[in-house]
Amino acid sequence: LLLQTLSENDTHCVQFSYFLYSRDGHSPGALRAYVRVNGGPIGSPVWNTSVSHSKQWHQVELAVSTFWPSEYQLHLTICTTCRHVLFSEPSPGSVGV
């Protein structure tokens, strides 16, 4: 998933929920969040998980900030070994994922 490019000189709170599990009891894969600045390389993840915490939703809040005149995008990636991953609708007033 790719969010729209943001360019404000401010900190944004990005909130999303995820449901990650594996039916066979093995690792469900990995869910990772990256920040891409000024159209450059993605770099290292700013958040990741690869553990199934039971069959329930989990919420994530990320504070993302850059200095003017930077633009950035948040990338959420799922590795190819993931079995089932669902994302929720964004909270009112938050940046949508």
PDB file of N, CA and C in Angstrom:
ATOM      1  N   LEU A   1       0.850  -1.176   0.000  1.00  0.00           N
ATOM      2  CA  LEU A   1       0.000   0.000   0.000  1.00  0.00           C
ATOM      3  C   LEU A   1       0.886   1.226   0.000  1.00  0.00           C
ATOM      4  N   LEU A   2       0.432   2.267  -0.663  1.00  0.00           N
ATOM      5  CA  LEU A   2       1.212   3.486  -0.795  1.00  0.00           C
ATOM      6  C   LEU A   2       0.326   4.672  -0.468  1.00  0.00           C
ATOM      7  N   LEU A   3       0.732   5.480   0.503  1.00  0.00           N
ATOM      8  CA  LEU A   3      -0.019   6.684   0.830  1.00  0.00           C
ATOM      9  C   LEU A   3       0.332   7.802  -0.126  1.00  0.00           C
ATOM     10  N   GLN A   4      -0.524   8.805  -0.184  1.00  0.00           N
ATOM     11  CA  GLN A   4      -0.252   9.982  -0.994  1.00  0.00           C
ATOM     12  C   GLN A   4       1.002  10.685  -0.486  1.00  0.00           C
ATOM     13  N   THR A   5       1.651  11.450  -1.343  1.00  0.00           N
ATOM     14  CA  THR A   5       2.831  12.205  -0.951  1.00  0.00           C
ATOM     15  C   THR A   5       2.421  13.341  -0.027  1.00  0.00           C
ATOM     16  N   LEU A   6       3.138  13.486   1.074  1.00  0.00           N
ATOM     17  CA  LEU A   6       2.887  14.558   2.033  1.00  0.00           C
ATOM     18  C   LEU A   6       4.088  15.493   2.023  1.00  0.00           C
ATOM     19  N   SER A   7       3.842  16.797   2.135  1.00  0.00           N
ATOM     20  CA  SER A   7       4.955  17.738   2.054  1.00  0.00           C
ATOM     21  C   SER A   7       4.933  18.797   3.140  1.00  0.00           C
ATOM     22  N   GLU A   8       4.038  18.707   4.073  1.00  0.00           N
ATOM     23  CA  GLU A   8       3.977  19.695   5.134  1.00  0.00           C
ATOM     24  C   GLU A   8       5.176  19.539   6.069  1.00  0.00           C
ATOM     25  N   ASN A   9       5.645  20.662   6.606  1.00  0.00           N
ATOM     26  CA  ASN A   9       6.730  20.650   7.581  1.00  0.00           C
ATOM     27  C   ASN A   9       6.096  20.419   8.946  1.00  0.00           C
ATOM     28  N   ASP A  10       5.743  19.180   9.201  1.00  0.00           N
ATOM     29  CA  ASP A  10       4.984  18.867  10.400  1.00  0.00           C
ATOM     30  C   ASP A  10       5.133  17.380  10.686  1.00  0.00           C
ATOM     31  N   THR A  11       4.697  16.973  11.850  1.00  0.00           N
ATOM     32  CA  THR A  11       4.665  15.559  12.193  1.00  0.00           C
ATOM     33  C   THR A  11       3.261  15.037  11.936  1.00  0.00           C
ATOM     34  N   HIS A  12       3.172  13.910  11.243  1.00  0.00           N
ATOM     35  CA  HIS A  12       1.886  13.271  10.979  1.00  0.00           C
ATOM     36  C   HIS A  12       1.785  12.002  11.802  1.00  0.00           C
ATOM     37  N   CYS A  13       0.629  11.778  12.351  1.00  0.00           N
ATOM     38  CA  CYS A  13       0.356  10.530  13.047  1.00  0.00           C
ATOM     39  C   CYS A  13      -0.398   9.627  12.066  1.00  0.00           C
ATOM     40  N   VAL A  14       0.222   8.528  11.713  1.00  0.00           N
ATOM     41  CA  VAL A  14      -0.394   7.578  10.791  1.00  0.00           C
ATOM     42  C   VAL A  14      -0.872   6.392  11.616  1.00  0.00           C
ATOM     43  N   GLN A  15      -2.151   6.105  11.530  1.00  0.00           N
ATOM     44  CA  GLN A  15      -2.740   5.014  12.292  1.00  0.00           C
ATOM     45  C   GLN A  15      -3.350   4.004  11.338  1.00  0.00           C
ATOM     46  N   PHE A  16      -3.128   2.722  11.624  1.00  0.00           N
ATOM     47  CA  PHE A  16      -3.793   1.671  10.882  1.00  0.00           C
ATOM     48  C   PHE A  16      -3.893   0.440  11.762  1.00  0.00           C
ATOM     49  N   SER A  17      -4.792  -0.434  11.390  1.00  0.00           N
ATOM     50  CA  SER A  17      -4.968  -1.698  12.099  1.00  0.00           C
ATOM     51  C   SER A  17      -4.650  -2.837  11.151  1.00  0.00           C
ATOM     52  N   TYR A  18      -4.139  -3.926  11.695  1.00  0.00           N
ATOM     53  CA  TYR A  18      -3.821  -5.089  10.882  1.00  0.00           C
ATOM     54  C   TYR A  18      -4.221  -6.365  11.616  1.00  0.00           C
ATOM     55  N   PHE A  19      -4.434  -7.403  10.838  1.00  0.00           N
ATOM     56  CA  PHE A  19      -4.803  -8.730  11.330  1.00  0.00           C
ATOM     57  C   PHE A  19      -3.903  -9.692  10.595  1.00  0.00           C
ATOM     58  N   LEU A  20      -2.946 -10.293  11.290  1.00  0.00           N
ATOM     59  CA  LEU A  20      -1.916 -11.109  10.672  1.00  0.00           C
ATOM     60  C   LEU A  20      -1.889 -12.463  11.359  1.00  0.00           C
ATOM     61  N   TYR A  21      -2.089 -13.523  10.594  1.00  0.00           N
ATOM     62  CA  TYR A  21      -2.040 -14.866  11.190  1.00  0.00           C
ATOM     63  C   TYR A  21      -1.717 -15.902  10.121  1.00  0.00           C
ATOM     64  N   SER A  22      -1.434 -17.085  10.593  1.00  0.00           N
ATOM     65  CA  SER A  22      -1.126 -18.196   9.704  1.00  0.00           C
ATOM     66  C   SER A  22      -1.934 -19.410  10.143  1.00  0.00           C
ATOM     67  N   ARG A  23      -2.644 -20.007   9.243  1.00  0.00           N
ATOM     68  CA  ARG A  23      -3.452 -21.190   9.575  1.00  0.00           C
ATOM     69  C   ARG A  23      -2.613 -22.395   9.962  1.00  0.00           C
ATOM     70  N   ASP A  24      -1.414 -22.503   9.370  1.00  0.00           N
ATOM     71  CA  ASP A  24      -0.593 -23.689   9.633  1.00  0.00           C
ATOM     72  C   ASP A  24       0.282 -23.558  10.879  1.00  0.00           C
ATOM     73  N   GLY A  25       0.203 -22.431  11.608  1.00  0.00           N
ATOM     74  CA  GLY A  25       0.960 -22.266  12.835  1.00  0.00           C
ATOM     75  C   GLY A  25       2.383 -21.782  12.631  1.00  0.00           C
ATOM     76  N   HIS A  26       2.809 -21.589  11.408  1.00  0.00           N
ATOM     77  CA  HIS A  26       4.145 -21.080  11.135  1.00  0.00           C
ATOM     78  C   HIS A  26       4.098 -19.563  11.004  1.00  0.00           C
ATOM     79  N   SER A  27       5.235 -18.965  10.765  1.00  0.00           N
ATOM     80  CA  SER A  27       5.293 -17.516  10.598  1.00  0.00           C
ATOM     81  C   SER A  27       4.374 -17.079   9.468  1.00  0.00           C
ATOM     82  N   PRO A  28       3.549 -16.061   9.701  1.00  0.00           N
ATOM     83  CA  PRO A  28       2.644 -15.589   8.652  1.00  0.00           C
ATOM     84  C   PRO A  28       3.325 -14.703   7.622  1.00  0.00           C
ATOM     85  N   GLY A  29       4.609 -14.479   7.750  1.00  0.00           N
ATOM     86  CA  GLY A  29       5.322 -13.576   6.852  1.00  0.00           C
ATOM     87  C   GLY A  29       5.676 -12.309   7.591  1.00  0.00           C
ATOM     88  N   ALA A  30       5.856 -11.226   6.883  1.00  0.00           N
ATOM     89  CA  ALA A  30       6.254  -9.966   7.515  1.00  0.00           C
ATOM     90  C   ALA A  30       5.483  -8.796   6.923  1.00  0.00           C
ATOM     91  N   LEU A  31       5.090  -7.906   7.784  1.00  0.00           N
ATOM     92  CA  LEU A  31       4.440  -6.659   7.412  1.00  0.00           C
ATOM     93  C   LEU A  31       5.407  -5.549   7.792  1.00  0.00           C
ATOM     94  N   ARG A  32       5.748  -4.667   6.837  1.00  0.00           N
ATOM     95  CA  ARG A  32       6.755  -3.633   7.074  1.00  0.00           C
ATOM     96  C   ARG A  32       6.266  -2.276   6.588  1.00  0.00           C
ATOM     97  N   ALA A  33       6.681  -1.224   7.304  1.00  0.00           N
ATOM     98  CA  ALA A  33       6.388   0.156   6.914  1.00  0.00           C
ATOM     99  C   ALA A  33       7.699   0.875   6.636  1.00  0.00           C
ATOM    100  N   TYR A  34       7.748   1.559   5.493  1.00  0.00           N
ATOM    101  CA  TYR A  34       8.916   2.321   5.076  1.00  0.00           C
ATOM    102  C   TYR A  34       8.501   3.765   4.822  1.00  0.00           C
ATOM    103  N   VAL A  35       9.439   4.698   4.998  1.00  0.00           N
ATOM    104  CA  VAL A  35       9.210   6.092   4.632  1.00  0.00           C
ATOM    105  C   VAL A  35      10.171   6.430   3.503  1.00  0.00           C
ATOM    106  N   ARG A  36       9.618   6.904   2.408  1.00  0.00           N
ATOM    107  CA  ARG A  36      10.414   7.303   1.243  1.00  0.00           C
ATOM    108  C   ARG A  36      10.432   8.827   1.186  1.00  0.00           C
ATOM    109  N   VAL A  37      11.629   9.426   1.252  1.00  0.00           N
ATOM    110  CA  VAL A  37      11.770  10.880   1.311  1.00  0.00           C
ATOM    111  C   VAL A  37      12.254  11.415  -0.036  1.00  0.00           C
ATOM    112  N   ASN A  38      11.558  12.449  -0.539  1.00  0.00           N
ATOM    113  CA  ASN A  38      11.922  13.144  -1.781  1.00  0.00           C
ATOM    114  C   ASN A  38      12.104  12.205  -2.969  1.00  0.00           C
ATOM    115  N   GLY A  39      11.308  11.157  -3.052  1.00  0.00           N
ATOM    116  CA  GLY A  39      11.371  10.232  -4.173  1.00  0.00           C
ATOM    117  C   GLY A  39      12.614   9.369  -4.195  1.00  0.00           C
ATOM    118  N   GLY A  40      13.368   9.368  -3.111  1.00  0.00           N
ATOM    119  CA  GLY A  40      14.601   8.585  -3.040  1.00  0.00           C
ATOM    120  C   GLY A  40      14.346   7.120  -2.752  1.00  0.00           C
ATOM    121  N   PRO A  41      15.399   6.395  -2.372  1.00  0.00           N
ATOM    122  CA  PRO A  41      15.245   4.974  -2.064  1.00  0.00           C
ATOM    123  C   PRO A  41      14.405   4.775  -0.801  1.00  0.00           C
ATOM    124  N   ILE A  42      13.832   3.606  -0.691  1.00  0.00           N
ATOM    125  CA  ILE A  42      12.973   3.308   0.452  1.00  0.00           C
ATOM    126  C   ILE A  42      13.778   3.149   1.742  1.00  0.00           C
ATOM    127  N   GLY A  43      14.919   2.500   1.705  1.00  0.00           N
ATOM    128  CA  GLY A  43      15.754   2.356   2.900  1.00  0.00           C
ATOM    129  C   GLY A  43      15.261   1.278   3.852  1.00  0.00           C
ATOM    130  N   SER A  44      15.567   1.438   5.108  1.00  0.00           N
ATOM    131  CA  SER A  44      15.212   0.450   6.144  1.00  0.00           C
ATOM    132  C   SER A  44      13.795   0.680   6.652  1.00  0.00           C
ATOM    133  N   PRO A  45      13.138  -0.388   7.107  1.00  0.00           N
ATOM    134  CA  PRO A  45      11.784  -0.203   7.640  1.00  0.00           C
ATOM    135  C   PRO A  45      11.794   0.632   8.921  1.00  0.00           C
ATOM    136  N   VAL A  46      10.771   1.470   9.077  1.00  0.00           N
ATOM    137  CA  VAL A  46      10.606   2.244  10.310  1.00  0.00           C
ATOM    138  C   VAL A  46       9.738   1.491  11.310  1.00  0.00           C
ATOM    139  N   TRP A  47       9.069   0.429  10.840  1.00  0.00           N
ATOM    140  CA  TRP A  47       8.254  -0.438  11.693  1.00  0.00           C
ATOM    141  C   TRP A  47       8.095  -1.763  10.970  1.00  0.00           C
ATOM    142  N   ASN A  48       8.055  -2.865  11.730  1.00  0.00           N
ATOM    143  CA  ASN A  48       7.791  -4.172  11.123  1.00  0.00           C
ATOM    144  C   ASN A  48       7.282  -5.145  12.165  1.00  0.00           C
ATOM    145  N   THR A  49       6.605  -6.167  11.689  1.00  0.00           N
ATOM    146  CA  THR A  49       6.185  -7.275  12.534  1.00  0.00           C
ATOM    147  C   THR A  49       6.138  -8.533  11.680  1.00  0.00           C
ATOM    148  N   SER A  50       6.426  -9.648  12.319  1.00  0.00           N
ATOM    149  CA  SER A  50       6.352 -10.929  11.614  1.00  0.00           C
ATOM    150  C   SER A  50       5.812 -12.009  12.543  1.00  0.00           C
ATOM    151  N   VAL A  51       5.160 -11.589  13.607  1.00  0.00           N
ATOM    152  CA  VAL A  51       4.649 -12.518  14.601  1.00  0.00           C
ATOM    153  C   VAL A  51       3.124 -12.508  14.577  1.00  0.00           C
ATOM    154  N   SER A  52       2.544 -13.683  14.591  1.00  0.00           N
ATOM    155  CA  SER A  52       1.093 -13.802  14.700  1.00  0.00           C
ATOM    156  C   SER A  52       0.739 -13.763  16.183  1.00  0.00           C
ATOM    157  N   HIS A  53       0.016 -12.721  16.593  1.00  0.00           N
ATOM    158  CA  HIS A  53      -0.335 -12.532  18.002  1.00  0.00           C
ATOM    159  C   HIS A  53      -1.715 -13.080  18.324  1.00  0.00           C
ATOM    160  N   SER A  54      -2.154 -14.078  17.658  1.00  0.00           N
ATOM    161  CA  SER A  54      -3.488 -14.670  17.771  1.00  0.00           C
ATOM    162  C   SER A  54      -4.423 -14.000  16.773  1.00  0.00           C
ATOM    163  N   LYS A  55      -5.600 -14.524  16.678  1.00  0.00           N
ATOM    164  CA  LYS A  55      -6.571 -14.036  15.693  1.00  0.00           C
ATOM    165  C   LYS A  55      -7.294 -12.817  16.232  1.00  0.00           C
ATOM    166  N   GLN A  56      -6.600 -11.672  16.187  1.00  0.00           N
ATOM    167  CA  GLN A  56      -7.223 -10.418  16.606  1.00  0.00           C
ATOM    168  C   GLN A  56      -6.568  -9.243  15.879  1.00  0.00           C
ATOM    169  N   TRP A  57      -7.271  -8.135  15.860  1.00  0.00           N
ATOM    170  CA  TRP A  57      -6.770  -6.914  15.233  1.00  0.00           C
ATOM    171  C   TRP A  57      -5.781  -6.225  16.164  1.00  0.00           C
ATOM    172  N   HIS A  58      -4.780  -5.578  15.579  1.00  0.00           N
ATOM    173  CA  HIS A  58      -3.786  -4.803  16.320  1.00  0.00           C
ATOM    174  C   HIS A  58      -3.688  -3.429  15.681  1.00  0.00           C
ATOM    175  N   GLN A  59      -3.515  -2.413  16.507  1.00  0.00           N
ATOM    176  CA  GLN A  59      -3.409  -1.051  15.994  1.00  0.00           C
ATOM    177  C   GLN A  59      -1.970  -0.569  16.071  1.00  0.00           C
ATOM    178  N   VAL A  60      -1.575   0.188  15.057  1.00  0.00           N
ATOM    179  CA  VAL A  60      -0.239   0.772  14.982  1.00  0.00           C
ATOM    180  C   VAL A  60      -0.391   2.279  14.836  1.00  0.00           C
ATOM    181  N   GLU A  61       0.434   3.035  15.531  1.00  0.00           N
ATOM    182  CA  GLU A  61       0.507   4.482  15.378  1.00  0.00           C
ATOM    183  C   GLU A  61       1.959   4.841  15.107  1.00  0.00           C
ATOM    184  N   LEU A  62       2.202   5.496  13.996  1.00  0.00           N
ATOM    185  CA  LEU A  62       3.541   5.930  13.626  1.00  0.00           C
ATOM    186  C   LEU A  62       3.568   7.454  13.553  1.00  0.00           C
ATOM    187  N   ALA A  63       4.564   8.073  14.177  1.00  0.00           N
ATOM    188  CA  ALA A  63       4.771   9.516  14.055  1.00  0.00           C
ATOM    189  C   ALA A  63       5.841   9.719  12.994  1.00  0.00           C
ATOM    190  N   VAL A  64       5.480  10.400  11.904  1.00  0.00           N
ATOM    191  CA  VAL A  64       6.396  10.625  10.787  1.00  0.00           C
ATOM    192  C   VAL A  64       6.588  12.128  10.625  1.00  0.00           C
ATOM    193  N   SER A  65       7.843  12.560  10.626  1.00  0.00           N
ATOM    194  CA  SER A  65       8.110  13.986  10.426  1.00  0.00           C
ATOM    195  C   SER A  65       9.345  14.177   9.560  1.00  0.00           C
ATOM    196  N   THR A  66       9.332  15.241   8.785  1.00  0.00           N
ATOM    197  CA  THR A  66      10.482  15.631   7.968  1.00  0.00           C
ATOM    198  C   THR A  66      10.622  17.140   8.054  1.00  0.00           C
ATOM    199  N   PHE A  67      11.721  17.667   7.554  1.00  0.00           N
ATOM    200  CA  PHE A  67      11.954  19.105   7.554  1.00  0.00           C
ATOM    201  C   PHE A  67      11.726  19.652   6.154  1.00  0.00           C
ATOM    202  N   TRP A  68      11.167  20.829   6.088  1.00  0.00           N
ATOM    203  CA  TRP A  68      10.886  21.495   4.832  1.00  0.00           C
ATOM    204  C   TRP A  68      12.160  21.640   4.051  1.00  0.00           C
ATOM    205  N   PRO A  69      12.218  21.443   2.754  1.00  0.00           N
ATOM    206  CA  PRO A  69      11.122  21.194   1.828  1.00  0.00           C
ATOM    207  C   PRO A  69      11.000  19.729   1.439  1.00  0.00           C
ATOM    208  N   SER A  70      11.045  18.836   2.378  1.00  0.00           N
ATOM    209  CA  SER A  70      10.964  17.413   2.062  1.00  0.00           C
ATOM    210  C   SER A  70       9.547  16.964   1.769  1.00  0.00           C
ATOM    211  N   GLU A  71       9.437  15.981   0.875  1.00  0.00           N
ATOM    212  CA  GLU A  71       8.181  15.272   0.623  1.00  0.00           C
ATOM    213  C   GLU A  71       8.413  13.829   1.020  1.00  0.00           C
ATOM    214  N   TYR A  72       7.375  13.181   1.508  1.00  0.00           N
ATOM    215  CA  TYR A  72       7.551  11.781   1.858  1.00  0.00           C
ATOM    216  C   TYR A  72       6.283  10.985   1.615  1.00  0.00           C
ATOM    217  N   GLN A  73       6.488   9.687   1.463  1.00  0.00           N
ATOM    218  CA  GLN A  73       5.384   8.742   1.307  1.00  0.00           C
ATOM    219  C   GLN A  73       5.625   7.573   2.249  1.00  0.00           C
ATOM    220  N   LEU A  74       4.543   7.043   2.772  1.00  0.00           N
ATOM    221  CA  LEU A  74       4.625   5.843   3.593  1.00  0.00           C
ATOM    222  C   LEU A  74       4.278   4.646   2.719  1.00  0.00           C
ATOM    223  N   HIS A  75       5.129   3.634   2.725  1.00  0.00           N
ATOM    224  CA  HIS A  75       4.912   2.390   1.993  1.00  0.00           C
ATOM    225  C   HIS A  75       4.675   1.279   3.007  1.00  0.00           C
ATOM    226  N   LEU A  76       3.605   0.528   2.847  1.00  0.00           N
ATOM    227  CA  LEU A  76       3.373  -0.675   3.648  1.00  0.00           C
ATOM    228  C   LEU A  76       3.537  -1.864   2.720  1.00  0.00           C
ATOM    229  N   THR A  77       4.412  -2.780   3.106  1.00  0.00           N
ATOM    230  CA  THR A  77       4.677  -3.938   2.260  1.00  0.00           C
ATOM    231  C   THR A  77       4.389  -5.218   3.014  1.00  0.00           C
ATOM    232  N   ILE A  78       4.016  -6.237   2.261  1.00  0.00           N
ATOM    233  CA  ILE A  78       3.755  -7.565   2.794  1.00  0.00           C
ATOM    234  C   ILE A  78       4.645  -8.527   2.030  1.00  0.00           C
ATOM    235  N   CYS A  79       5.405  -9.340   2.756  1.00  0.00           N
ATOM    236  CA  CYS A  79       6.284 -10.277   2.060  1.00  0.00           C
ATOM    237  C   CYS A  79       5.453 -11.357   1.359  1.00  0.00           C
ATOM    238  N   THR A  80       6.047 -12.061   0.430  1.00  0.00           N
ATOM    239  CA  THR A  80       5.319 -13.033  -0.381  1.00  0.00           C
ATOM    240  C   THR A  80       4.933 -14.294   0.375  1.00  0.00           C
ATOM    241  N   THR A  81       5.484 -14.512   1.549  1.00  0.00           N
ATOM    242  CA  THR A  81       5.124 -15.710   2.310  1.00  0.00           C
ATOM    243  C   THR A  81       3.937 -15.486   3.229  1.00  0.00           C
ATOM    244  N   CYS A  82       3.377 -14.277   3.246  1.00  0.00           N
ATOM    245  CA  CYS A  82       2.246 -14.007   4.129  1.00  0.00           C
ATOM    246  C   CYS A  82       1.023 -14.807   3.701  1.00  0.00           C
ATOM    247  N   ARG A  83       0.323 -15.294   4.682  1.00  0.00           N
ATOM    248  CA  ARG A  83      -0.873 -16.092   4.412  1.00  0.00           C
ATOM    249  C   ARG A  83      -2.121 -15.213   4.331  1.00  0.00           C
ATOM    250  N   HIS A  84      -2.411 -14.481   5.392  1.00  0.00           N
ATOM    251  CA  HIS A  84      -3.622 -13.664   5.456  1.00  0.00           C
ATOM    252  C   HIS A  84      -3.291 -12.361   6.156  1.00  0.00           C
ATOM    253  N   VAL A  85      -3.517 -11.247   5.500  1.00  0.00           N
ATOM    254  CA  VAL A  85      -3.324  -9.932   6.100  1.00  0.00           C
ATOM    255  C   VAL A  85      -4.496  -9.064   5.694  1.00  0.00           C
ATOM    256  N   LEU A  86      -5.103  -8.413   6.654  1.00  0.00           N
ATOM    257  CA  LEU A  86      -6.213  -7.508   6.391  1.00  0.00           C
ATOM    258  C   LEU A  86      -5.886  -6.159   6.996  1.00  0.00           C
ATOM    259  N   PHE A  87      -6.279  -5.066   6.338  1.00  0.00           N
ATOM    260  CA  PHE A  87      -6.103  -3.725   6.857  1.00  0.00           C
ATOM    261  C   PHE A  87      -7.477  -3.145   7.139  1.00  0.00           C
ATOM    262  N   SER A  88      -7.551  -2.316   8.167  1.00  0.00           N
ATOM    263  CA  SER A  88      -8.823  -1.685   8.485  1.00  0.00           C
ATOM    264  C   SER A  88      -8.940  -0.342   7.783  1.00  0.00           C
ATOM    265  N   GLU A  89     -10.129   0.207   7.823  1.00  0.00           N
ATOM    266  CA  GLU A  89     -10.354   1.550   7.331  1.00  0.00           C
ATOM    267  C   GLU A  89      -9.657   2.528   8.267  1.00  0.00           C
ATOM    268  N   PRO A  90      -9.176   3.656   7.744  1.00  0.00           N
ATOM    269  CA  PRO A  90      -8.509   4.638   8.602  1.00  0.00           C
ATOM    270  C   PRO A  90      -9.472   5.251   9.600  1.00  0.00           C
ATOM    271  N   SER A  91      -8.934   5.674  10.744  1.00  0.00           N
ATOM    272  CA  SER A  91      -9.727   6.355  11.748  1.00  0.00           C
ATOM    273  C   SER A  91     -10.116   7.744  11.247  1.00  0.00           C
ATOM    274  N   PRO A  92     -11.257   8.288  11.692  1.00  0.00           N
ATOM    275  CA  PRO A  92     -11.634   9.637  11.272  1.00  0.00           C
ATOM    276  C   PRO A  92     -10.552  10.640  11.663  1.00  0.00           C
ATOM    277  N   GLY A  93     -10.147  11.493  10.744  1.00  0.00           N
ATOM    278  CA  GLY A  93      -9.142  12.501  11.019  1.00  0.00           C
ATOM    279  C   GLY A  93      -7.703  12.016  10.867  1.00  0.00           C
ATOM    280  N   SER A  94      -7.519  10.757  10.567  1.00  0.00           N
ATOM    281  CA  SER A  94      -6.160  10.239  10.396  1.00  0.00           C
ATOM    282  C   SER A  94      -5.846  10.117   8.921  1.00  0.00           C
ATOM    283  N   VAL A  95      -4.576   9.885   8.628  1.00  0.00           N
ATOM    284  CA  VAL A  95      -4.155   9.660   7.239  1.00  0.00           C
ATOM    285  C   VAL A  95      -4.567   8.256   6.853  1.00  0.00           C
ATOM    286  N   GLY A  96      -5.244   8.088   5.748  1.00  0.00           N
ATOM    287  CA  GLY A  96      -5.759   6.780   5.339  1.00  0.00           C
ATOM    288  C   GLY A  96      -4.698   5.866   4.797  1.00  0.00           C
ATOM    289  N   VAL A  97      -4.833   4.594   5.077  1.00  0.00           N
ATOM    290  CA  VAL A  97      -3.938   3.564   4.542  1.00  0.00           C
ATOM    291  C   VAL A  97      -4.767   2.639   3.692  1.00  0.00           C
TER     292      VAL A  97
END
